[in-house]
Amino acid sequence: MKIDFLESGADDCPLIRIYGNEPEVCQRFREAFERLANRGASEVSLTDLPGVEPLGSCCLVAQPGRRDRGVVRKEGNAFCWVLTPAAWDNVAGLIEPFCNSQSDGYQWLDQAPASEARVLVSTSPVGCW
């Protein structure tokens, strides 16, 4: 699956888009979100997961926090996504349908009001969600 950052060009921008139809990679995302929800990890580099191809030097690190800060831009295309464990549990549930080969479509994973970018998962090719 690919991860890229779209700063402009659509009404939903800025957004971080995770896309492709690879259920086994979605399963890795779900497992990472569950580790964050259960406090089994202090951070997970989502762009370093096996099967993930970051585009345009996009870097997305996920962390559990005391409050939902959403996506925070560090520099360039490097981002930190900070949610409470309860919110990570919710994100794990939102991505679960994409963990089987019959899934199609898209799902917003984070729309925290303070977020500097929204996060979307999609099975569609570039530009379609």
C-alpha atoms as a PDB file:
ATOM      1  CA  MET A   1       0.000   0.000   0.000  1.00  0.00           C
ATOM      2  CA  LYS A   2       1.066   3.549  -0.574  1.00  0.00           C
ATOM      3  CA  ILE A   3       1.024   6.539   1.784  1.00  0.00           C
ATOM      4  CA  ASP A   4       1.219  10.069   0.491  1.00  0.00           C
ATOM      5  CA  PHE A   5       0.481  13.590   1.623  1.00  0.00           C
ATOM      6  CA  LEU A   6      -1.778  15.797  -0.475  1.00  0.00           C
ATOM      7  CA  GLU A   7      -1.454  19.410   0.586  1.00  0.00           C
ATOM      8  CA  SER A   8      -3.878  20.773  -2.010  1.00  0.00           C
ATOM      9  CA  GLY A   9      -5.842  19.867  -5.094  1.00  0.00           C
ATOM     10  CA  ALA A  10      -9.071  18.598  -3.530  1.00  0.00           C
ATOM     11  CA  ASP A  11     -11.677  19.917  -1.108  1.00  0.00           C
ATOM     12  CA  ASP A  12     -10.574  17.345   1.489  1.00  0.00           C
ATOM     13  CA  CYS A  13      -6.955  18.542   1.556  1.00  0.00           C
ATOM     14  CA  PRO A  14      -4.668  18.631   3.323  1.00  0.00           C
ATOM     15  CA  LEU A  15      -4.824  14.875   3.766  1.00  0.00           C
ATOM     16  CA  ILE A  16      -2.702  11.818   4.263  1.00  0.00           C
ATOM     17  CA  ARG A  17      -3.917   9.086   1.964  1.00  0.00           C
ATOM     18  CA  ILE A  18      -3.260   5.396   2.565  1.00  0.00           C
ATOM     19  CA  TYR A  19      -4.317   3.502  -0.535  1.00  0.00           C
ATOM     20  CA  GLY A  20      -4.217   0.195  -2.332  1.00  0.00           C
ATOM     21  CA  ASN A  21      -6.091  -3.077  -2.153  1.00  0.00           C
ATOM     22  CA  GLU A  22      -3.748  -5.170  -0.010  1.00  0.00           C
ATOM     23  CA  PRO A  23      -5.634  -6.792   2.878  1.00  0.00           C
ATOM     24  CA  GLU A  24      -2.480  -8.223   4.475  1.00  0.00           C
ATOM     25  CA  VAL A  25      -0.965  -4.732   4.735  1.00  0.00           C
ATOM     26  CA  CYS A  26      -4.221  -3.354   6.157  1.00  0.00           C
ATOM     27  CA  GLN A  27      -3.976  -6.103   8.759  1.00  0.00           C
ATOM     28  CA  ARG A  28      -0.527  -4.761   9.739  1.00  0.00           C
ATOM     29  CA  PHE A  29      -2.028  -1.287  10.147  1.00  0.00           C
ATOM     30  CA  ARG A  30      -4.836  -2.706  12.280  1.00  0.00           C
ATOM     31  CA  GLU A  31      -2.365  -4.588  14.484  1.00  0.00           C
ATOM     32  CA  ALA A  32      -0.298  -1.400  14.896  1.00  0.00           C
ATOM     33  CA  PHE A  33      -3.405   0.577  15.887  1.00  0.00           C
ATOM     34  CA  GLU A  34      -4.342  -2.137  18.392  1.00  0.00           C
ATOM     35  CA  ARG A  35      -0.837  -2.006  19.943  1.00  0.00           C
ATOM     36  CA  LEU A  36      -1.256   1.762  20.359  1.00  0.00           C
ATOM     37  CA  ALA A  37      -4.727   1.253  21.857  1.00  0.00           C
ATOM     38  CA  ASN A  38      -3.410  -1.309  24.342  1.00  0.00           C
ATOM     39  CA  ARG A  39      -0.310   0.768  25.138  1.00  0.00           C
ATOM     40  CA  GLY A  40       1.847  -2.036  23.757  1.00  0.00           C
ATOM     41  CA  ALA A  41       3.849   0.531  21.779  1.00  0.00           C
ATOM     42  CA  SER A  42       4.941   4.079  22.524  1.00  0.00           C
ATOM     43  CA  GLU A  43       5.089   4.844  18.806  1.00  0.00           C
ATOM     44  CA  VAL A  44       4.784   3.096  15.453  1.00  0.00           C
ATOM     45  CA  SER A  45       6.244   4.337  12.185  1.00  0.00           C
ATOM     46  CA  LEU A  46       3.377   3.538   9.836  1.00  0.00           C
ATOM     47  CA  THR A  47       5.486   4.333   6.779  1.00  0.00           C
ATOM     48  CA  ASP A  48       8.032   1.682   7.871  1.00  0.00           C
ATOM     49  CA  LEU A  49       5.545  -1.196   8.125  1.00  0.00           C
ATOM     50  CA  PRO A  50       6.261  -4.105   5.725  1.00  0.00           C
ATOM     51  CA  GLY A  51       4.416  -3.634   2.445  1.00  0.00           C
ATOM     52  CA  VAL A  52       4.035   0.143   2.852  1.00  0.00           C
ATOM     53  CA  GLU A  53       5.491   2.465   0.222  1.00  0.00           C
ATOM     54  CA  PRO A  54       5.753   6.112   1.303  1.00  0.00           C
ATOM     55  CA  LEU A  55       5.585   8.576  -1.599  1.00  0.00           C
ATOM     56  CA  GLY A  56       7.139  12.025  -1.737  1.00  0.00           C
ATOM     57  CA  SER A  57       9.213  11.449   1.410  1.00  0.00           C
ATOM     58  CA  CYS A  58       6.019  11.105   3.454  1.00  0.00           C
ATOM     59  CA  CYS A  59       6.700   9.918   7.012  1.00  0.00           C
ATOM     60  CA  LEU A  60       3.840   9.114   9.398  1.00  0.00           C
ATOM     61  CA  VAL A  61       4.517   8.131  13.007  1.00  0.00           C
ATOM     62  CA  ALA A  62       1.587   7.172  15.257  1.00  0.00           C
ATOM     63  CA  GLN A  63       1.641   7.677  19.031  1.00  0.00           C
ATOM     64  CA  PRO A  64      -0.772   7.283  21.929  1.00  0.00           C
ATOM     65  CA  GLY A  65      -1.444  10.505  23.819  1.00  0.00           C
ATOM     66  CA  ARG A  66      -3.470  11.950  26.673  1.00  0.00           C
ATOM     67  CA  ARG A  67      -5.714  13.778  24.200  1.00  0.00           C
ATOM     68  CA  ASP A  68      -6.588  13.562  20.515  1.00  0.00           C
ATOM     69  CA  ARG A  69      -4.190  15.979  18.840  1.00  0.00           C
ATOM     70  CA  GLY A  70      -4.676  14.394  15.431  1.00  0.00           C
ATOM     71  CA  VAL A  71      -1.999  14.816  12.798  1.00  0.00           C
ATOM     72  CA  VAL A  72       0.768  17.277  13.627  1.00  0.00           C
ATOM     73  CA  ARG A  73       3.220  18.331  10.936  1.00  0.00           C
ATOM     74  CA  LYS A  74       6.831  18.135  12.089  1.00  0.00           C
ATOM     75  CA  GLU A  75       8.697  19.345   9.004  1.00  0.00           C
ATOM     76  CA  GLY A  76       8.374  18.816   5.284  1.00  0.00           C
ATOM     77  CA  ASN A  77       6.264  15.707   4.765  1.00  0.00           C
ATOM     78  CA  ALA A  78       6.962  14.274   8.245  1.00  0.00           C
ATOM     79  CA  PHE A  79       3.926  13.909  10.499  1.00  0.00           C
ATOM     80  CA  CYS A  80       3.084  12.627  13.955  1.00  0.00           C
ATOM     81  CA  TRP A  81      -0.456  11.267  14.496  1.00  0.00           C
ATOM     82  CA  VAL A  82      -1.415  11.448  18.181  1.00  0.00           C
ATOM     83  CA  LEU A  83      -4.645   9.933  19.518  1.00  0.00           C
ATOM     84  CA  THR A  84      -5.816   8.563  22.850  1.00  0.00           C
ATOM     85  CA  PRO A  85      -5.784   4.775  23.285  1.00  0.00           C
ATOM     86  CA  ALA A  86      -9.593   4.781  22.980  1.00  0.00           C
ATOM     87  CA  ALA A  87      -9.358   6.649  19.676  1.00  0.00           C
ATOM     88  CA  TRP A  88      -6.702   4.188  18.413  1.00  0.00           C
ATOM     89  CA  ASP A  89      -9.089   1.360  19.252  1.00  0.00           C
ATOM     90  CA  ASN A  90     -11.721   3.109  17.137  1.00  0.00           C
ATOM     91  CA  VAL A  91      -9.263   3.553  14.230  1.00  0.00           C
ATOM     92  CA  ALA A  92      -8.440  -0.180  14.414  1.00  0.00           C
ATOM     93  CA  GLY A  93     -12.160  -0.882  14.021  1.00  0.00           C
ATOM     94  CA  LEU A  94     -12.497   1.557  11.110  1.00  0.00           C
ATOM     95  CA  ILE A  95      -9.713  -0.103   9.103  1.00  0.00           C
ATOM     96  CA  GLU A  96     -10.851  -3.665   9.862  1.00  0.00           C
ATOM     97  CA  PRO A  97     -13.183  -3.983   6.819  1.00  0.00           C
ATOM     98  CA  PHE A  98     -10.165  -3.319   4.560  1.00  0.00           C
ATOM     99  CA  CYS A  99      -8.407  -6.378   6.012  1.00  0.00           C
ATOM    100  CA  ASN A 100     -10.367  -8.747   3.755  1.00  0.00           C
ATOM    101  CA  SER A 101     -10.138  -9.127  -0.008  1.00  0.00           C
ATOM    102  CA  GLN A 102     -13.782  -8.186  -0.591  1.00  0.00           C
ATOM    103  CA  SER A 103     -13.434  -4.619   0.679  1.00  0.00           C
ATOM    104  CA  ASP A 104     -13.875  -1.650  -1.620  1.00  0.00           C
ATOM    105  CA  GLY A 105     -14.224   2.082  -1.118  1.00  0.00           C
ATOM    106  CA  TYR A 106     -12.738   4.421   1.446  1.00  0.00           C
ATOM    107  CA  GLN A 107     -12.934   5.380   5.105  1.00  0.00           C
ATOM    108  CA  TRP A 108     -11.863   8.492   7.007  1.00  0.00           C
ATOM    109  CA  LEU A 109      -9.653   7.335   9.887  1.00  0.00           C
ATOM    110  CA  ASP A 110      -9.122  10.640  11.668  1.00  0.00           C
ATOM    111  CA  GLN A 111     -10.853  13.957  11.548  1.00  0.00           C
ATOM    112  CA  ALA A 112      -9.766  15.359  14.924  1.00  0.00           C
ATOM    113  CA  PRO A 113     -10.634  19.090  14.952  1.00  0.00           C
ATOM    114  CA  ALA A 114      -7.062  20.086  15.848  1.00  0.00           C
ATOM    115  CA  SER A 115      -5.565  17.866  13.134  1.00  0.00           C
ATOM    116  CA  GLU A 116      -3.363  19.549  10.535  1.00  0.00           C
ATOM    117  CA  ALA A 117      -4.312  16.867   7.980  1.00  0.00           C
ATOM    118  CA  ARG A 118      -7.079  14.318   7.679  1.00  0.00           C
ATOM    119  CA  VAL A 119      -6.269  10.610   7.269  1.00  0.00           C
ATOM    120  CA  LEU A 120      -8.011   8.446   4.675  1.00  0.00           C
ATOM    121  CA  VAL A 121      -7.720   4.789   3.703  1.00  0.00           C
ATOM    122  CA  SER A 122      -8.900   3.835   0.208  1.00  0.00           C
ATOM    123  CA  THR A 123      -8.805   0.792  -2.049  1.00  0.00           C
ATOM    124  CA  SER A 124      -9.056   3.023  -5.116  1.00  0.00           C
ATOM    125  CA  PRO A 125      -6.147   4.160  -7.273  1.00  0.00           C
ATOM    126  CA  VAL A 126      -4.680   7.642  -7.119  1.00  0.00           C
ATOM    127  CA  GLY A 127      -7.245  10.422  -7.118  1.00  0.00           C
ATOM    128  CA  CYS A 128     -10.280   8.270  -6.388  1.00  0.00           C
ATOM    129  CA  TRP A 129     -11.864   8.137  -2.955  1.00  0.00           C
END
